[in-house]
Amino acid sequence: MRPSRPGLGLAVLRTLIPPALAAAILCFAGSAHAQARRINAIDVLENSKTNDDTVILIAGISVGDDFSDADLTTIENRLISSELFKDVNVQAIPEGDGVRVIINAKDKHSWVIAPTVYLQPGNKGGGFGFGENNLFGANKKLLLYGQVATADSMFIAGLLDPAIGGSRFFFRGDVFIRREIVTEYGPHGKGFGNESGVRDSTMWYLNGGILLGVNFMRGLSLDGRLRGAKVFYEDAELHSGVDPAEVFQVAGEPIKAPSTDGYDVSTEGKITYDRRANYYGVTHGDMFQLAFEHSLTALGSDFDYWVGSARAIIARRILSEHNLVIKTRYAQGDNLPFQQEFTAGGVDLRGFVNRQFRGDHQARATVEYSVPLFKAGSVAFRGLAFSDNAITWFDKYQQSKKVGDDATRN
């Protein structure tokens, strides 16, 4: 609290301590007081689509807040990380007993319509997607995507509101429809990595869910999701030369799908600490997350299981435009139905066939280092070196229970 009689306070200070030290203390106190300025006004300029309230919400400031010069960099980083703006500049000018913060934020083109092509081992095809990153100029996200491929055809629709009505709460609704020709692989004494297909099945997965969460503070959030799916199978058959006993089938009987048809209803909770910032495609910061999902038999789920997981991402910005990213994850499930089993191979384990490995336990780690190559207009091309590592397995005890005893897994 400031003294009511600064002249008397100064006299006492000079009496009690040496003049040089008193001068240093007064200088420090004056600097600290100068830094603790009040935001008296906020101006938003050059934004052609994003509304002013949304820009200020992303910036994380409001009139009446304390302000220091160090906040300029923080505000710029928050706006850049939102990926809504192609150019950001923040200034503070004196106004009265505080400052006026001026935010210059030029909007990016916020939507894209683009084709995709998949040439993965075991899955080749293409798709078409539409993404809107700034719906209604309020930072809402909309995604529509469909693809047709040799193994994995799908349709995805999702809507995300990261701040409902400008509050700490966020919402997501999503629909996921998949038709996948699933190939299961089995070891036949040919050595690791040389497993061959043993059974093909066509799996339909019709899923929808809603998520509601809250941001306790910047970077720390808690959310819960309720989802339900209809799962069913068609056209199960063994590969040529495969003994039915390898997939626990009886010779001469019709080949069963890997699981029974049914409804898969569950709820999932996650707590996330995410302090990553994105600098025009280069990420810096850390993310840690714990998640737990449990089926809801009381709401009609035909499958009774749980899944727990922990993951971390550590990203470092190096030499301005170089990027080192380390990703780790451990997940464990109990009594998992086929559609919930952990898989590895394809885009998440590059060099192996799509979903080649399965299990109810999984540990994985990925290291990536990317460097800038060249730019063509607004498109940047980057080179990437990576190492993907994963171990996926079935717990022996759980597997022994499933064979012949668990009607949901064949």
Protein backbone atom coordinates (compact mmCIF):
# COMPACT_ATOMS: atom_id res chain seq x y z
CA MET A 1 0.00 0.00 0.00
CA ARG A 2 1.38 3.48 -0.88
CA PRO A 3 2.17 5.78 2.17
CA SER A 4 -0.34 8.55 2.72
CA ARG A 5 2.58 10.98 3.30
CA PRO A 6 5.31 10.07 0.76
CA GLY A 7 7.52 12.95 1.92
CA LEU A 8 7.66 11.62 5.49
CA GLY A 9 8.23 8.07 4.24
CA LEU A 10 11.17 9.22 2.14
CA ALA A 11 12.70 11.05 5.10
CA VAL A 12 12.45 8.00 7.35
CA LEU A 13 13.95 5.79 4.64
CA ARG A 14 16.94 8.11 4.23
CA THR A 15 17.47 8.17 7.98
CA LEU A 16 17.44 4.41 8.49
CA ILE A 17 19.53 3.18 5.54
CA PRO A 18 22.47 4.46 3.50
CA PRO A 19 21.57 6.87 0.70
CA ALA A 20 22.88 4.61 -2.12
CA LEU A 21 20.82 1.66 -0.95
CA ALA A 22 17.78 3.89 -0.47
CA ALA A 23 18.12 5.14 -4.05
CA ALA A 24 18.26 1.56 -5.35
CA ILE A 25 15.16 0.54 -3.40
CA LEU A 26 13.23 3.59 -4.56
CA CYS A 27 14.25 2.92 -8.15
CA PHE A 28 13.10 -0.71 -7.92
CA ALA A 29 9.83 0.26 -6.24
CA GLY A 30 9.16 2.90 -8.87
CA SER A 31 9.86 0.39 -11.67
CA ALA A 32 7.58 -2.23 -10.13
CA HIS A 33 4.83 0.38 -9.75
CA ALA A 34 5.28 1.44 -13.38
CA GLN A 35 4.93 -2.16 -14.54
CA ALA A 36 1.69 -2.69 -12.61
CA ARG A 37 -0.36 -0.49 -14.94
CA ARG A 38 -4.07 -0.90 -15.50
CA ILE A 39 -5.65 -1.68 -18.85
CA ASN A 40 -8.03 1.22 -19.44
CA ALA A 41 -9.09 0.31 -23.00
CA ILE A 42 -8.58 -2.33 -25.69
CA ASP A 43 -8.73 -1.62 -29.42
CA VAL A 44 -8.87 -4.40 -32.05
CA LEU A 45 -7.83 -3.43 -35.57
CA GLU A 46 -7.51 -5.06 -39.01
CA ASN A 47 -9.68 -8.07 -38.15
CA SER A 48 -11.97 -8.61 -41.13
CA LYS A 49 -13.79 -11.75 -39.92
CA THR A 50 -13.03 -12.55 -36.31
CA ASN A 51 -15.22 -10.39 -34.08
CA ASP A 52 -13.61 -8.10 -31.49
CA ASP A 53 -14.88 -10.03 -28.48
CA THR A 54 -13.34 -13.25 -29.79
CA VAL A 55 -9.96 -11.58 -30.41
CA ILE A 56 -9.96 -10.19 -26.86
CA LEU A 57 -11.03 -13.58 -25.44
CA ILE A 58 -8.14 -15.34 -27.20
CA ALA A 59 -5.74 -12.63 -26.06
CA GLY A 60 -6.78 -13.42 -22.49
CA ILE A 61 -7.08 -9.82 -21.27
CA SER A 62 -9.87 -7.48 -20.23
CA VAL A 63 -10.31 -3.87 -19.19
CA GLY A 64 -9.25 -3.44 -15.55
CA ASP A 65 -6.50 -6.09 -15.64
CA ASP A 66 -3.00 -5.29 -14.47
CA PHE A 67 -0.57 -4.98 -17.37
CA SER A 68 3.21 -5.12 -17.83
CA ASP A 69 5.39 -4.89 -20.92
CA ALA A 70 6.08 -8.64 -20.70
CA ASP A 71 2.37 -9.23 -21.41
CA LEU A 72 2.84 -7.98 -24.98
CA THR A 73 4.74 -11.13 -25.98
CA THR A 74 2.28 -13.37 -24.12
CA ILE A 75 -0.71 -11.81 -25.89
CA GLU A 76 0.95 -12.12 -29.30
CA ASN A 77 1.80 -15.78 -28.68
CA ARG A 78 -1.80 -16.56 -27.69
CA LEU A 79 -3.17 -14.95 -30.83
CA ILE A 80 -0.62 -16.62 -33.11
CA SER A 81 -1.26 -20.03 -31.49
CA SER A 82 -4.97 -19.77 -32.26
CA GLU A 83 -3.99 -20.13 -35.94
CA LEU A 84 -6.68 -17.61 -36.93
CA PHE A 85 -4.35 -14.77 -37.88
CA LYS A 86 -1.60 -14.40 -40.47
CA ASP A 87 -0.09 -11.30 -38.87
CA VAL A 88 -0.27 -10.13 -35.24
CA ASN A 89 1.12 -7.01 -33.59
CA VAL A 90 0.27 -5.82 -30.05
CA GLN A 91 1.13 -2.41 -28.62
CA ALA A 92 0.41 -0.54 -25.41
CA ILE A 93 0.27 3.25 -25.21
CA PRO A 94 -0.14 5.34 -22.05
CA GLU A 95 -3.66 6.50 -21.31
CA GLY A 96 -4.56 8.23 -18.05
CA ASP A 97 -3.23 6.22 -15.14
CA GLY A 98 -2.88 3.08 -17.27
CA VAL A 99 -2.54 1.92 -20.85
CA ARG A 100 -4.59 1.37 -23.99
CA VAL A 101 -3.80 -2.01 -25.58
CA ILE A 102 -3.96 -1.98 -29.38
CA ILE A 103 -4.24 -5.38 -31.09
CA ASN A 104 -3.58 -5.53 -34.83
CA ALA A 105 -4.75 -8.97 -36.00
CA LYS A 106 -5.05 -9.75 -39.71
CA ASP A 107 -7.29 -12.79 -40.29
CA LYS A 108 -6.17 -15.85 -42.19
CA HIS A 109 -8.38 -17.46 -44.81
CA SER A 110 -10.36 -19.58 -42.36
CA TRP A 111 -11.79 -22.42 -44.43
CA VAL A 112 -10.40 -25.04 -46.77
CA ILE A 113 -11.82 -27.57 -49.22
CA ALA A 114 -9.25 -30.18 -50.13
CA PRO A 115 -8.85 -33.73 -51.47
CA THR A 116 -6.76 -36.39 -49.75
CA VAL A 117 -4.92 -39.43 -51.08
CA TYR A 118 -3.96 -42.51 -49.04
CA LEU A 119 -1.18 -44.84 -50.20
CA GLN A 120 -0.57 -46.72 -46.95
CA PRO A 121 0.39 -50.39 -46.89
CA GLY A 122 -2.91 -52.25 -46.80
CA ASN A 123 -5.05 -49.13 -47.25
CA LYS A 124 -5.19 -47.11 -50.46
CA GLY A 125 -7.83 -44.58 -51.41
CA GLY A 126 -8.85 -40.96 -51.28
CA GLY A 127 -11.26 -38.53 -49.73
CA PHE A 128 -12.59 -34.99 -49.66
CA GLY A 129 -12.93 -32.64 -46.74
CA PHE A 130 -14.19 -29.23 -45.68
CA GLY A 131 -12.83 -27.45 -42.63
CA GLU A 132 -13.88 -24.10 -41.17
CA ASN A 133 -11.52 -22.84 -38.47
CA ASN A 134 -13.42 -19.68 -37.52
CA LEU A 135 -17.14 -20.30 -37.88
CA PHE A 136 -19.21 -17.08 -37.52
CA GLY A 137 -15.96 -15.26 -36.67
CA ALA A 138 -16.19 -16.73 -33.16
CA ASN A 139 -13.35 -19.30 -33.22
CA LYS A 140 -15.77 -22.22 -33.56
CA LYS A 141 -14.49 -25.21 -35.57
CA LEU A 142 -16.41 -27.28 -38.14
CA LEU A 143 -15.09 -30.38 -39.92
CA LEU A 144 -16.75 -32.51 -42.60
CA TYR A 145 -14.72 -35.30 -44.17
CA GLY A 146 -15.39 -38.46 -46.16
CA GLN A 147 -13.11 -41.03 -47.75
CA VAL A 148 -13.33 -44.25 -49.73
CA ALA A 149 -10.41 -46.67 -49.46
CA THR A 150 -9.58 -50.31 -50.01
CA ALA A 151 -9.69 -51.07 -46.29
CA ASP A 152 -11.03 -48.06 -44.41
CA SER A 153 -13.91 -45.90 -45.67
CA MET A 154 -15.39 -43.30 -43.34
CA PHE A 155 -17.37 -40.11 -42.77
CA ILE A 156 -16.60 -37.63 -39.99
CA ALA A 157 -18.54 -34.55 -38.87
CA GLY A 158 -17.56 -32.46 -35.87
CA LEU A 159 -18.35 -29.11 -34.30
CA LEU A 160 -16.22 -27.55 -31.54
CA ASP A 161 -17.03 -24.45 -29.49
CA PRO A 162 -13.89 -23.72 -27.40
CA ALA A 163 -15.60 -21.08 -25.22
CA ILE A 164 -19.38 -21.32 -24.91
CA GLY A 165 -20.70 -17.77 -24.82
CA GLY A 166 -17.21 -16.53 -23.95
CA SER A 167 -17.16 -18.68 -20.79
CA ARG A 168 -14.65 -21.23 -19.48
CA PHE A 169 -16.84 -24.08 -20.77
CA PHE A 170 -16.32 -25.80 -24.12
CA PHE A 171 -18.42 -28.19 -26.18
CA ARG A 172 -17.92 -30.71 -28.98
CA GLY A 173 -20.39 -32.82 -30.93
CA ASP A 174 -19.24 -35.46 -33.41
CA VAL A 175 -20.45 -38.20 -35.73
CA PHE A 176 -18.19 -40.98 -36.99
CA ILE A 177 -19.31 -43.59 -39.52
CA ARG A 178 -16.81 -46.23 -40.63
CA ARG A 179 -16.87 -49.24 -42.92
CA GLU A 180 -13.60 -51.07 -42.49
CA ILE A 181 -12.37 -54.29 -44.02
CA VAL A 182 -10.36 -55.50 -41.06
CA THR A 183 -7.48 -57.85 -41.58
CA GLU A 184 -6.17 -59.65 -38.51
CA TYR A 185 -2.55 -60.74 -38.55
CA GLY A 186 -1.03 -63.66 -36.73
CA PRO A 187 2.49 -64.98 -36.11
CA HIS A 188 3.12 -68.29 -37.89
CA GLY A 189 6.69 -68.89 -36.86
CA LYS A 190 7.95 -66.62 -39.64
CA GLY A 191 9.60 -64.05 -37.38
CA PHE A 192 8.60 -60.67 -36.02
CA GLY A 193 7.34 -58.29 -38.70
CA ASN A 194 6.55 -61.09 -41.15
CA GLU A 195 3.09 -61.89 -39.80
CA SER A 196 0.55 -62.62 -42.50
CA GLY A 197 -3.20 -62.12 -42.60
CA VAL A 198 -5.38 -64.81 -41.04
CA ARG A 199 -8.94 -63.42 -41.21
CA ASP A 200 -10.81 -60.65 -43.00
CA SER A 201 -14.05 -59.12 -41.71
CA THR A 202 -16.12 -56.11 -42.71
CA MET A 203 -16.84 -54.00 -39.64
CA TRP A 204 -19.47 -51.24 -39.55
CA TYR A 205 -19.07 -48.69 -36.76
CA LEU A 206 -21.81 -46.03 -36.47
CA ASN A 207 -20.84 -43.66 -33.67
CA GLY A 208 -21.96 -40.32 -32.20
CA GLY A 209 -20.89 -38.42 -29.12
CA ILE A 210 -21.05 -35.17 -27.17
CA LEU A 211 -18.33 -33.65 -24.98
CA LEU A 212 -18.53 -30.92 -22.35
CA GLY A 213 -15.51 -29.50 -20.58
CA VAL A 214 -14.21 -26.62 -18.51
CA ASN A 215 -10.94 -24.67 -18.56
CA PHE A 216 -9.89 -24.13 -14.95
CA MET A 217 -6.99 -21.92 -16.01
CA ARG A 218 -5.03 -21.37 -19.19
CA GLY A 219 -3.73 -24.80 -20.20
CA LEU A 220 -5.58 -26.89 -17.58
CA SER A 221 -8.92 -28.46 -18.52
CA LEU A 222 -11.29 -31.26 -17.53
CA ASP A 223 -13.86 -32.78 -19.87
CA GLY A 224 -16.34 -35.63 -20.05
CA ARG A 225 -17.74 -37.35 -23.13
CA LEU A 226 -20.79 -39.55 -23.64
CA ARG A 227 -20.84 -41.65 -26.79
CA GLY A 228 -22.77 -44.51 -28.31
CA ALA A 229 -22.19 -46.72 -31.32
CA LYS A 230 -23.81 -49.55 -33.23
CA VAL A 231 -21.26 -52.18 -34.27
CA PHE A 232 -21.89 -55.06 -36.64
CA TYR A 233 -19.89 -57.39 -38.90
CA GLU A 234 -20.21 -58.94 -42.36
CA ASP A 235 -18.35 -61.35 -44.63
CA ALA A 236 -15.89 -62.98 -42.24
CA GLU A 237 -13.50 -65.35 -43.98
CA LEU A 238 -10.11 -66.94 -43.42
CA HIS A 239 -7.12 -66.41 -45.65
CA SER A 240 -6.07 -69.30 -47.81
CA GLY A 241 -4.12 -71.97 -45.94
CA VAL A 242 -5.02 -70.71 -42.46
CA ASP A 243 -6.01 -73.35 -39.91
CA PRO A 244 -9.35 -72.30 -38.28
CA ALA A 245 -7.82 -73.13 -34.89
CA GLU A 246 -5.45 -70.17 -35.30
CA VAL A 247 -8.42 -67.86 -34.74
CA PHE A 248 -10.18 -70.22 -32.34
CA GLN A 249 -12.63 -71.49 -34.95
CA VAL A 250 -13.87 -75.04 -35.47
CA ALA A 251 -13.05 -76.64 -38.80
CA GLY A 252 -16.13 -77.22 -40.92
CA GLU A 253 -18.27 -74.61 -39.16
CA PRO A 254 -19.07 -71.15 -40.57
CA ILE A 255 -16.30 -68.66 -39.90
CA LYS A 256 -17.22 -66.22 -37.16
CA ALA A 257 -16.48 -62.49 -37.13
CA PRO A 258 -13.94 -61.38 -34.49
CA SER A 259 -16.74 -60.05 -32.24
CA THR A 260 -20.46 -60.16 -31.77
CA ASP A 261 -22.72 -57.38 -33.03
CA GLY A 262 -24.02 -54.95 -30.45
CA TYR A 263 -24.28 -51.47 -28.98
CA ASP A 264 -21.13 -49.88 -27.57
CA VAL A 265 -22.02 -47.11 -25.08
CA SER A 266 -19.42 -45.49 -22.84
CA THR A 267 -18.40 -42.37 -20.97
CA GLU A 268 -14.89 -40.94 -20.90
CA GLY A 269 -13.21 -38.38 -18.67
CA LYS A 270 -9.93 -36.54 -19.36
CA ILE A 271 -7.79 -34.08 -17.49
CA THR A 272 -5.33 -32.20 -19.67
CA TYR A 273 -2.48 -29.79 -19.04
CA ASP A 274 -1.55 -28.24 -22.37
CA ARG A 275 0.80 -25.27 -22.60
CA ARG A 276 1.82 -25.73 -26.22
CA ALA A 277 2.02 -22.71 -28.49
CA ASN A 278 2.09 -22.79 -32.27
CA TYR A 279 4.34 -20.37 -34.15
CA TYR A 280 3.13 -20.62 -37.75
CA GLY A 281 3.44 -24.40 -37.84
CA VAL A 282 6.27 -24.80 -35.30
CA THR A 283 5.14 -26.03 -31.87
CA HIS A 284 6.72 -25.24 -28.49
CA GLY A 285 5.56 -26.40 -25.07
CA ASP A 286 4.34 -29.45 -23.18
CA MET A 287 1.11 -31.44 -22.96
CA PHE A 288 0.19 -34.08 -20.36
CA GLN A 289 -3.10 -35.97 -20.26
CA LEU A 290 -4.81 -38.68 -18.21
CA ALA A 291 -7.96 -40.37 -19.53
CA PHE A 292 -10.35 -43.07 -18.35
CA GLU A 293 -13.24 -44.63 -20.28
CA HIS A 294 -15.84 -47.11 -19.01
CA SER A 295 -18.69 -48.81 -20.80
CA LEU A 296 -22.24 -48.10 -19.62
CA THR A 297 -24.19 -51.33 -19.45
CA ALA A 298 -26.92 -49.45 -17.58
CA LEU A 299 -27.50 -47.42 -20.76
CA GLY A 300 -27.68 -50.47 -23.01
CA SER A 301 -24.05 -51.26 -23.82
CA ASP A 302 -23.58 -54.89 -24.87
CA PHE A 303 -19.90 -54.67 -23.99
CA ASP A 304 -18.45 -54.34 -20.49
CA TYR A 305 -14.92 -52.91 -20.44
CA TRP A 306 -12.69 -50.07 -19.30
CA VAL A 307 -9.69 -48.23 -20.74
CA GLY A 308 -7.11 -46.06 -19.00
CA SER A 309 -4.34 -44.08 -20.67
CA ALA A 310 -1.62 -41.51 -20.04
CA ARG A 311 0.19 -39.52 -22.70
CA ALA A 312 2.66 -36.70 -23.02
CA ILE A 313 3.93 -34.46 -25.80
CA ILE A 314 7.09 -32.40 -25.46
CA ALA A 315 7.74 -29.93 -28.29
CA ARG A 316 10.67 -27.59 -28.67
CA ARG A 317 11.24 -24.77 -31.13
CA ILE A 318 14.87 -24.81 -32.25
CA LEU A 319 16.68 -22.26 -34.45
CA SER A 320 13.42 -20.37 -34.91
CA GLU A 321 11.89 -22.74 -37.51
CA HIS A 322 13.21 -26.20 -36.56
CA ASN A 323 10.91 -28.39 -34.46
CA LEU A 324 11.66 -31.32 -32.14
CA VAL A 325 8.57 -33.23 -30.97
CA ILE A 326 8.55 -36.23 -28.59
CA LYS A 327 5.29 -38.14 -28.07
CA THR A 328 4.71 -40.94 -25.56
CA ARG A 329 1.61 -42.89 -24.55
CA TYR A 330 0.71 -45.87 -22.37
CA ALA A 331 -2.76 -47.42 -22.45
CA GLN A 332 -4.32 -50.44 -20.79
CA GLY A 333 -7.75 -51.99 -21.17
CA ASP A 334 -9.79 -54.72 -19.53
CA ASN A 335 -12.08 -57.07 -21.45
CA LEU A 336 -11.86 -54.92 -24.58
CA PRO A 337 -14.23 -55.69 -27.45
CA PHE A 338 -12.66 -55.97 -30.88
CA GLN A 339 -13.54 -52.42 -31.97
CA GLN A 340 -11.82 -50.95 -28.88
CA GLU A 341 -8.56 -52.93 -29.05
CA PHE A 342 -5.36 -50.93 -29.43
CA THR A 343 -3.75 -51.18 -32.84
CA ALA A 344 -0.41 -50.19 -34.35
CA GLY A 345 0.73 -49.99 -37.95
CA GLY A 346 0.22 -47.58 -40.81
CA VAL A 347 0.26 -43.84 -40.05
CA ASP A 348 0.98 -44.36 -36.34
CA LEU A 349 3.74 -46.95 -36.86
CA ARG A 350 5.17 -46.02 -40.20
CA GLY A 351 6.76 -48.90 -42.12
CA PHE A 352 4.23 -51.54 -41.03
CA VAL A 353 0.90 -52.59 -42.51
CA ASN A 354 -2.19 -50.67 -41.40
CA ARG A 355 -3.31 -51.94 -37.95
CA GLN A 356 -0.97 -54.90 -38.14
CA PHE A 357 -0.65 -55.33 -34.36
CA ARG A 358 -3.44 -55.62 -31.77
CA GLY A 359 -3.70 -55.85 -28.01
CA ASP A 360 -5.28 -54.67 -24.77
CA HIS A 361 -2.01 -53.10 -23.57
CA GLN A 362 0.13 -50.64 -25.51
CA ALA A 363 3.18 -48.44 -25.00
CA ARG A 364 4.44 -46.17 -27.74
CA ALA A 365 6.93 -43.38 -28.36
CA THR A 366 7.59 -41.19 -31.39
CA VAL A 367 10.41 -38.72 -32.00
CA GLU A 368 10.15 -36.24 -34.88
CA TYR A 369 12.48 -33.51 -36.07
CA SER A 370 11.30 -31.22 -38.86
CA VAL A 371 13.16 -28.51 -40.76
CA PRO A 372 12.01 -25.86 -43.25
CA LEU A 373 12.77 -26.54 -46.90
CA PHE A 374 11.12 -23.81 -48.97
CA LYS A 375 7.93 -21.82 -49.32
CA ALA A 376 5.58 -21.44 -52.28
CA GLY A 377 3.36 -18.48 -51.53
CA SER A 378 1.57 -19.20 -48.26
CA VAL A 379 2.45 -22.93 -48.35
CA ALA A 380 5.56 -24.07 -46.47
CA PHE A 381 7.30 -27.35 -47.30
CA ARG A 382 9.18 -29.08 -44.50
CA GLY A 383 11.43 -32.12 -44.19
CA LEU A 384 10.77 -34.65 -41.44
CA ALA A 385 12.96 -37.26 -39.76
CA PHE A 386 11.14 -39.61 -37.39
CA SER A 387 11.33 -42.73 -35.29
CA ASP A 388 8.11 -44.61 -34.44
CA ASN A 389 8.18 -47.22 -31.69
CA ALA A 390 5.33 -49.28 -30.23
CA ILE A 391 4.74 -52.46 -28.28
CA THR A 392 1.21 -53.87 -28.32
CA TRP A 393 0.17 -57.06 -26.57
CA PHE A 394 -2.64 -59.03 -24.98
CA ASP A 395 -2.38 -59.80 -21.31
CA LYS A 396 -2.13 -63.60 -21.11
CA TYR A 397 -4.68 -63.88 -18.32
CA GLN A 398 -7.21 -61.70 -20.11
CA GLN A 399 -6.63 -63.53 -23.37
CA SER A 400 -7.20 -66.90 -21.70
CA LYS A 401 -10.52 -65.64 -20.35
CA LYS A 402 -11.64 -64.43 -23.75
CA VAL A 403 -11.05 -67.67 -25.60
CA GLY A 404 -14.31 -69.59 -25.53
CA ASP A 405 -15.62 -67.81 -22.41
CA ASP A 406 -16.26 -64.24 -23.57
CA ALA A 407 -19.04 -64.14 -26.13
CA THR A 408 -18.06 -60.65 -27.28
CA ARG A 409 -14.64 -61.72 -28.66
CA ASN A 410 -14.02 -64.58 -31.11
